[in-house]
Amino acid sequence: MICPSCGHENLPGAEVCEQCMHDLMGLDLPQPKEGLQRRLMEDPVRVLPLRPPVTISPEEPVGRALELMRQHRIGSVLVVEGGSSLASSLNAEHSWSWLALRRAC
């Protein structure tokens, strides 16, 4: 990435220029071109067909979370404490990894 301030060639993804310390963070953002790419980058979230979130209590078994994901054909559930306080999100990949690790111990 070329620094616009001093012209130094920095490594891709550098946060600041190695030579002049100019901030490069805003320069490494992808720029949409047209069609679907532009819509994905610029459309607000409200245009998506949002569904109600699927939630689970932290006390529920991991297997129940996996069942909910399968049943709703989703990749994650929200872990909610006290019925309204978001504690975390749990996705299928992390769940299976955790279960495999536990089984190995």
N, C-alpha and C. Protein backbone atom coordinates (compact mmCIF):
# COMPACT_ATOMS: atom_id res chain seq x y z
N MET A 1 0.85 -1.17 0.00
CA MET A 1 0.00 0.00 0.00
C MET A 1 0.90 1.24 0.00
N ILE A 2 0.65 2.12 -0.93
CA ILE A 2 1.44 3.34 -1.07
C ILE A 2 0.87 4.42 -0.15
N CYS A 3 1.74 5.03 0.65
CA CYS A 3 1.32 6.10 1.54
C CYS A 3 1.02 7.36 0.72
N PRO A 4 -0.18 7.94 0.89
CA PRO A 4 -0.50 9.15 0.12
C PRO A 4 0.26 10.37 0.60
N SER A 5 0.85 10.29 1.78
CA SER A 5 1.57 11.43 2.33
C SER A 5 3.02 11.49 1.86
N CYS A 6 3.72 10.35 1.92
CA CYS A 6 5.15 10.37 1.59
C CYS A 6 5.53 9.47 0.41
N GLY A 7 4.58 8.63 -0.06
CA GLY A 7 4.87 7.77 -1.20
C GLY A 7 5.57 6.46 -0.85
N HIS A 8 5.81 6.22 0.43
CA HIS A 8 6.47 4.98 0.85
C HIS A 8 5.57 3.78 0.58
N GLU A 9 6.15 2.67 0.11
CA GLU A 9 5.37 1.45 -0.13
C GLU A 9 5.36 0.61 1.14
N ASN A 10 4.20 0.48 1.73
CA ASN A 10 4.01 -0.28 2.97
C ASN A 10 3.44 -1.67 2.67
N LEU A 11 3.53 -2.56 3.63
CA LEU A 11 2.93 -3.88 3.49
C LEU A 11 1.41 -3.75 3.46
N PRO A 12 0.73 -4.60 2.69
CA PRO A 12 -0.74 -4.56 2.67
C PRO A 12 -1.29 -4.76 4.08
N GLY A 13 -2.30 -3.98 4.44
CA GLY A 13 -2.92 -4.10 5.75
C GLY A 13 -2.25 -3.28 6.84
N ALA A 14 -1.18 -2.55 6.51
CA ALA A 14 -0.50 -1.72 7.51
C ALA A 14 -1.44 -0.64 8.03
N GLU A 15 -1.42 -0.42 9.32
CA GLU A 15 -2.29 0.59 9.93
C GLU A 15 -1.73 2.00 9.78
N VAL A 16 -0.40 2.11 9.84
CA VAL A 16 0.26 3.40 9.66
C VAL A 16 1.47 3.21 8.75
N CYS A 17 1.88 4.29 8.09
CA CYS A 17 3.05 4.25 7.23
C CYS A 17 4.30 4.03 8.07
N GLU A 18 5.14 3.11 7.63
CA GLU A 18 6.39 2.82 8.35
C GLU A 18 7.34 4.02 8.36
N GLN A 19 7.26 4.83 7.33
CA GLN A 19 8.21 5.94 7.19
C GLN A 19 7.73 7.22 7.88
N CYS A 20 6.47 7.62 7.62
CA CYS A 20 6.03 8.93 8.15
C CYS A 20 4.94 8.83 9.21
N MET A 21 4.48 7.59 9.50
CA MET A 21 3.45 7.32 10.52
C MET A 21 2.07 7.88 10.13
N HIS A 22 1.85 8.16 8.85
CA HIS A 22 0.54 8.62 8.37
C HIS A 22 -0.47 7.49 8.56
N ASP A 23 -1.69 7.82 8.99
CA ASP A 23 -2.74 6.83 9.21
C ASP A 23 -3.19 6.26 7.87
N LEU A 24 -3.14 4.92 7.74
CA LEU A 24 -3.52 4.26 6.50
C LEU A 24 -4.81 3.44 6.65
N MET A 25 -5.43 3.46 7.82
CA MET A 25 -6.58 2.60 8.09
C MET A 25 -7.72 2.77 7.09
N GLY A 26 -8.07 3.97 6.74
CA GLY A 26 -9.19 4.20 5.84
C GLY A 26 -8.89 3.87 4.39
N LEU A 27 -7.64 3.66 4.06
CA LEU A 27 -7.26 3.42 2.67
C LEU A 27 -7.40 1.96 2.26
N ASP A 28 -7.49 1.05 3.22
CA ASP A 28 -7.49 -0.37 2.94
C ASP A 28 -8.90 -0.96 2.87
N LEU A 29 -9.91 -0.10 2.81
CA LEU A 29 -11.28 -0.58 2.77
C LEU A 29 -11.65 -0.95 1.33
N PRO A 30 -12.38 -2.07 1.17
CA PRO A 30 -12.80 -2.43 -0.19
C PRO A 30 -13.77 -1.39 -0.74
N GLN A 31 -13.65 -1.10 -2.02
CA GLN A 31 -14.52 -0.12 -2.67
C GLN A 31 -15.47 -0.86 -3.62
N PRO A 32 -16.79 -0.72 -3.40
CA PRO A 32 -17.74 -1.40 -4.27
C PRO A 32 -17.70 -0.83 -5.68
N LYS A 33 -17.92 -1.70 -6.65
CA LYS A 33 -17.88 -1.25 -8.04
C LYS A 33 -19.28 -1.14 -8.63
N GLU A 34 -20.02 -2.24 -8.69
CA GLU A 34 -21.35 -2.19 -9.29
C GLU A 34 -22.18 -3.39 -8.86
N GLY A 35 -23.46 -3.37 -9.20
CA GLY A 35 -24.35 -4.49 -9.01
C GLY A 35 -24.41 -5.02 -7.59
N LEU A 36 -24.33 -6.33 -7.47
CA LEU A 36 -24.44 -7.01 -6.18
C LEU A 36 -23.36 -6.54 -5.21
N GLN A 37 -22.14 -6.38 -5.69
CA GLN A 37 -21.05 -5.93 -4.83
C GLN A 37 -21.37 -4.57 -4.20
N ARG A 38 -21.88 -3.65 -4.99
CA ARG A 38 -22.24 -2.33 -4.48
C ARG A 38 -23.38 -2.43 -3.47
N ARG A 39 -24.39 -3.25 -3.77
CA ARG A 39 -25.53 -3.41 -2.85
C ARG A 39 -25.07 -4.00 -1.52
N LEU A 40 -24.19 -5.00 -1.56
CA LEU A 40 -23.70 -5.60 -0.31
C LEU A 40 -22.93 -4.61 0.55
N MET A 41 -22.23 -3.71 -0.09
CA MET A 41 -21.41 -2.74 0.64
C MET A 41 -22.20 -1.52 1.10
N GLU A 42 -23.28 -1.16 0.39
CA GLU A 42 -23.93 0.11 0.66
C GLU A 42 -25.36 0.03 1.19
N ASP A 43 -26.09 -1.05 0.90
CA ASP A 43 -27.48 -1.14 1.36
C ASP A 43 -27.53 -1.24 2.89
N PRO A 44 -28.51 -0.59 3.51
CA PRO A 44 -28.65 -0.69 4.97
C PRO A 44 -29.20 -2.07 5.37
N VAL A 45 -28.93 -2.47 6.57
CA VAL A 45 -29.37 -3.77 7.08
C VAL A 45 -30.88 -3.91 7.00
N ARG A 46 -31.63 -2.81 7.11
CA ARG A 46 -33.09 -2.89 7.12
C ARG A 46 -33.68 -3.47 5.84
N VAL A 47 -32.93 -3.52 4.73
CA VAL A 47 -33.46 -4.08 3.50
C VAL A 47 -33.41 -5.62 3.50
N LEU A 48 -32.72 -6.20 4.45
CA LEU A 48 -32.63 -7.66 4.53
C LEU A 48 -33.92 -8.24 5.11
N PRO A 49 -34.27 -9.45 4.69
CA PRO A 49 -35.46 -10.10 5.26
C PRO A 49 -35.13 -10.68 6.64
N LEU A 50 -35.15 -9.83 7.65
CA LEU A 50 -34.76 -10.25 8.99
C LEU A 50 -35.83 -11.12 9.63
N ARG A 51 -35.37 -12.13 10.38
CA ARG A 51 -36.27 -13.00 11.12
C ARG A 51 -36.03 -12.78 12.61
N PRO A 52 -37.00 -13.13 13.44
CA PRO A 52 -36.78 -13.00 14.88
C PRO A 52 -35.58 -13.86 15.30
N PRO A 53 -34.78 -13.37 16.23
CA PRO A 53 -33.60 -14.14 16.65
C PRO A 53 -34.00 -15.41 17.40
N VAL A 54 -33.19 -16.43 17.25
CA VAL A 54 -33.37 -17.67 18.01
C VAL A 54 -32.44 -17.57 19.21
N THR A 55 -33.02 -17.69 20.40
CA THR A 55 -32.25 -17.51 21.63
C THR A 55 -32.26 -18.78 22.48
N ILE A 56 -31.29 -18.83 23.38
CA ILE A 56 -31.17 -19.95 24.31
C ILE A 56 -30.57 -19.42 25.61
N SER A 57 -30.89 -20.07 26.69
CA SER A 57 -30.35 -19.71 28.01
C SER A 57 -28.96 -20.31 28.17
N PRO A 58 -28.08 -19.68 28.94
CA PRO A 58 -26.75 -20.25 29.18
C PRO A 58 -26.79 -21.59 29.92
N GLU A 59 -27.91 -21.89 30.56
CA GLU A 59 -28.03 -23.14 31.31
C GLU A 59 -28.42 -24.32 30.42
N GLU A 60 -28.86 -24.06 29.20
CA GLU A 60 -29.28 -25.13 28.29
C GLU A 60 -28.06 -25.91 27.80
N PRO A 61 -28.23 -27.20 27.50
CA PRO A 61 -27.11 -27.99 26.96
C PRO A 61 -26.70 -27.52 25.56
N VAL A 62 -25.45 -27.71 25.24
CA VAL A 62 -24.94 -27.35 23.91
C VAL A 62 -25.73 -28.11 22.84
N GLY A 63 -26.09 -29.34 23.13
CA GLY A 63 -26.87 -30.13 22.18
C GLY A 63 -28.19 -29.48 21.83
N ARG A 64 -28.82 -28.82 22.79
CA ARG A 64 -30.08 -28.12 22.53
C ARG A 64 -29.84 -26.95 21.57
N ALA A 65 -28.73 -26.25 21.74
CA ALA A 65 -28.38 -25.15 20.83
C ALA A 65 -28.19 -25.69 19.42
N LEU A 66 -27.50 -26.82 19.29
CA LEU A 66 -27.29 -27.42 17.97
C LEU A 66 -28.61 -27.85 17.35
N GLU A 67 -29.51 -28.39 18.16
CA GLU A 67 -30.82 -28.79 17.67
C GLU A 67 -31.61 -27.58 17.15
N LEU A 68 -31.56 -26.48 17.90
CA LEU A 68 -32.25 -25.26 17.46
C LEU A 68 -31.69 -24.76 16.14
N MET A 69 -30.37 -24.82 15.99
CA MET A 69 -29.74 -24.37 14.74
C MET A 69 -30.20 -25.25 13.58
N ARG A 70 -30.26 -26.55 13.80
CA ARG A 70 -30.71 -27.46 12.75
C ARG A 70 -32.18 -27.22 12.42
N GLN A 71 -32.99 -27.11 13.45
CA GLN A 71 -34.42 -26.93 13.28
C GLN A 71 -34.76 -25.65 12.51
N HIS A 72 -34.05 -24.57 12.81
CA HIS A 72 -34.32 -23.27 12.17
C HIS A 72 -33.46 -23.01 10.94
N ARG A 73 -32.57 -23.97 10.63
CA ARG A 73 -31.66 -23.84 9.48
C ARG A 73 -30.86 -22.54 9.56
N ILE A 74 -30.21 -22.38 10.72
CA ILE A 74 -29.39 -21.20 10.97
C ILE A 74 -28.02 -21.65 11.46
N GLY A 75 -27.06 -20.75 11.46
CA GLY A 75 -25.70 -21.09 11.85
C GLY A 75 -25.32 -20.69 13.26
N SER A 76 -26.21 -19.96 13.95
CA SER A 76 -25.89 -19.54 15.31
C SER A 76 -27.15 -19.20 16.08
N VAL A 77 -27.02 -19.19 17.40
CA VAL A 77 -28.09 -18.77 18.29
C VAL A 77 -27.53 -17.71 19.23
N LEU A 78 -28.41 -16.88 19.75
CA LEU A 78 -28.01 -15.88 20.74
C LEU A 78 -28.21 -16.46 22.13
N VAL A 79 -27.20 -16.33 22.97
CA VAL A 79 -27.28 -16.79 24.35
C VAL A 79 -27.73 -15.60 25.19
N VAL A 80 -28.92 -15.74 25.79
CA VAL A 80 -29.56 -14.63 26.49
C VAL A 80 -29.76 -14.99 27.95
N GLU A 81 -29.29 -14.10 28.84
CA GLU A 81 -29.46 -14.28 30.29
C GLU A 81 -30.67 -13.48 30.75
N GLY A 82 -31.44 -14.06 31.64
CA GLY A 82 -32.58 -13.35 32.22
C GLY A 82 -33.63 -12.97 31.21
N GLY A 83 -33.66 -13.61 30.07
CA GLY A 83 -34.67 -13.34 29.07
C GLY A 83 -34.44 -12.13 28.19
N SER A 84 -33.47 -11.28 28.54
CA SER A 84 -33.30 -10.07 27.71
C SER A 84 -31.87 -9.58 27.59
N SER A 85 -30.95 -10.09 28.37
CA SER A 85 -29.57 -9.59 28.34
C SER A 85 -28.69 -10.52 27.50
N LEU A 86 -28.17 -10.00 26.39
CA LEU A 86 -27.32 -10.79 25.51
C LEU A 86 -26.00 -11.12 26.21
N ALA A 87 -25.71 -12.41 26.33
CA ALA A 87 -24.47 -12.84 26.96
C ALA A 87 -23.42 -13.20 25.91
N SER A 88 -23.88 -13.80 24.80
CA SER A 88 -22.95 -14.26 23.78
C SER A 88 -23.73 -14.75 22.57
N SER A 89 -23.00 -15.17 21.58
CA SER A 89 -23.61 -15.90 20.47
C SER A 89 -22.85 -17.21 20.35
N LEU A 90 -23.52 -18.22 19.88
CA LEU A 90 -22.93 -19.55 19.78
C LEU A 90 -23.18 -20.04 18.36
N ASN A 91 -22.10 -20.41 17.65
CA ASN A 91 -22.31 -20.92 16.30
C ASN A 91 -21.99 -22.40 16.24
N ALA A 92 -22.47 -23.05 15.20
CA ALA A 92 -22.35 -24.49 15.07
C ALA A 92 -20.90 -24.95 15.02
N GLU A 93 -20.07 -24.24 14.30
CA GLU A 93 -18.66 -24.65 14.18
C GLU A 93 -17.96 -24.67 15.53
N HIS A 94 -18.15 -23.61 16.32
CA HIS A 94 -17.52 -23.57 17.64
C HIS A 94 -18.10 -24.63 18.56
N SER A 95 -19.39 -24.90 18.43
CA SER A 95 -20.03 -25.91 19.27
C SER A 95 -19.46 -27.29 19.00
N TRP A 96 -19.35 -27.65 17.72
CA TRP A 96 -18.80 -28.96 17.38
C TRP A 96 -17.34 -29.08 17.81
N SER A 97 -16.57 -28.01 17.65
CA SER A 97 -15.17 -28.03 18.08
C SER A 97 -15.07 -28.23 19.58
N TRP A 98 -15.92 -27.53 20.33
CA TRP A 98 -15.92 -27.64 21.78
C TRP A 98 -16.30 -29.06 22.21
N LEU A 99 -17.32 -29.63 21.56
CA LEU A 99 -17.75 -30.99 21.91
C LEU A 99 -16.65 -32.01 21.60
N ALA A 100 -15.96 -31.85 20.47
CA ALA A 100 -14.88 -32.75 20.10
C ALA A 100 -13.74 -32.65 21.10
N LEU A 101 -13.42 -31.44 21.52
CA LEU A 101 -12.35 -31.24 22.50
C LEU A 101 -12.71 -31.88 23.83
N ARG A 102 -13.94 -31.72 24.27
CA ARG A 102 -14.39 -32.33 25.52
C ARG A 102 -14.35 -33.83 25.47
N ARG A 103 -14.72 -34.37 24.32
CA ARG A 103 -14.72 -35.83 24.16
C ARG A 103 -13.30 -36.37 24.21
N ALA A 104 -12.34 -35.61 23.70
CA ALA A 104 -10.94 -36.05 23.68
C ALA A 104 -10.32 -36.05 25.06
N CYS A 105 -10.86 -35.27 25.98
CA CYS A 105 -10.27 -35.16 27.33
C CYS A 105 -10.70 -36.29 28.23
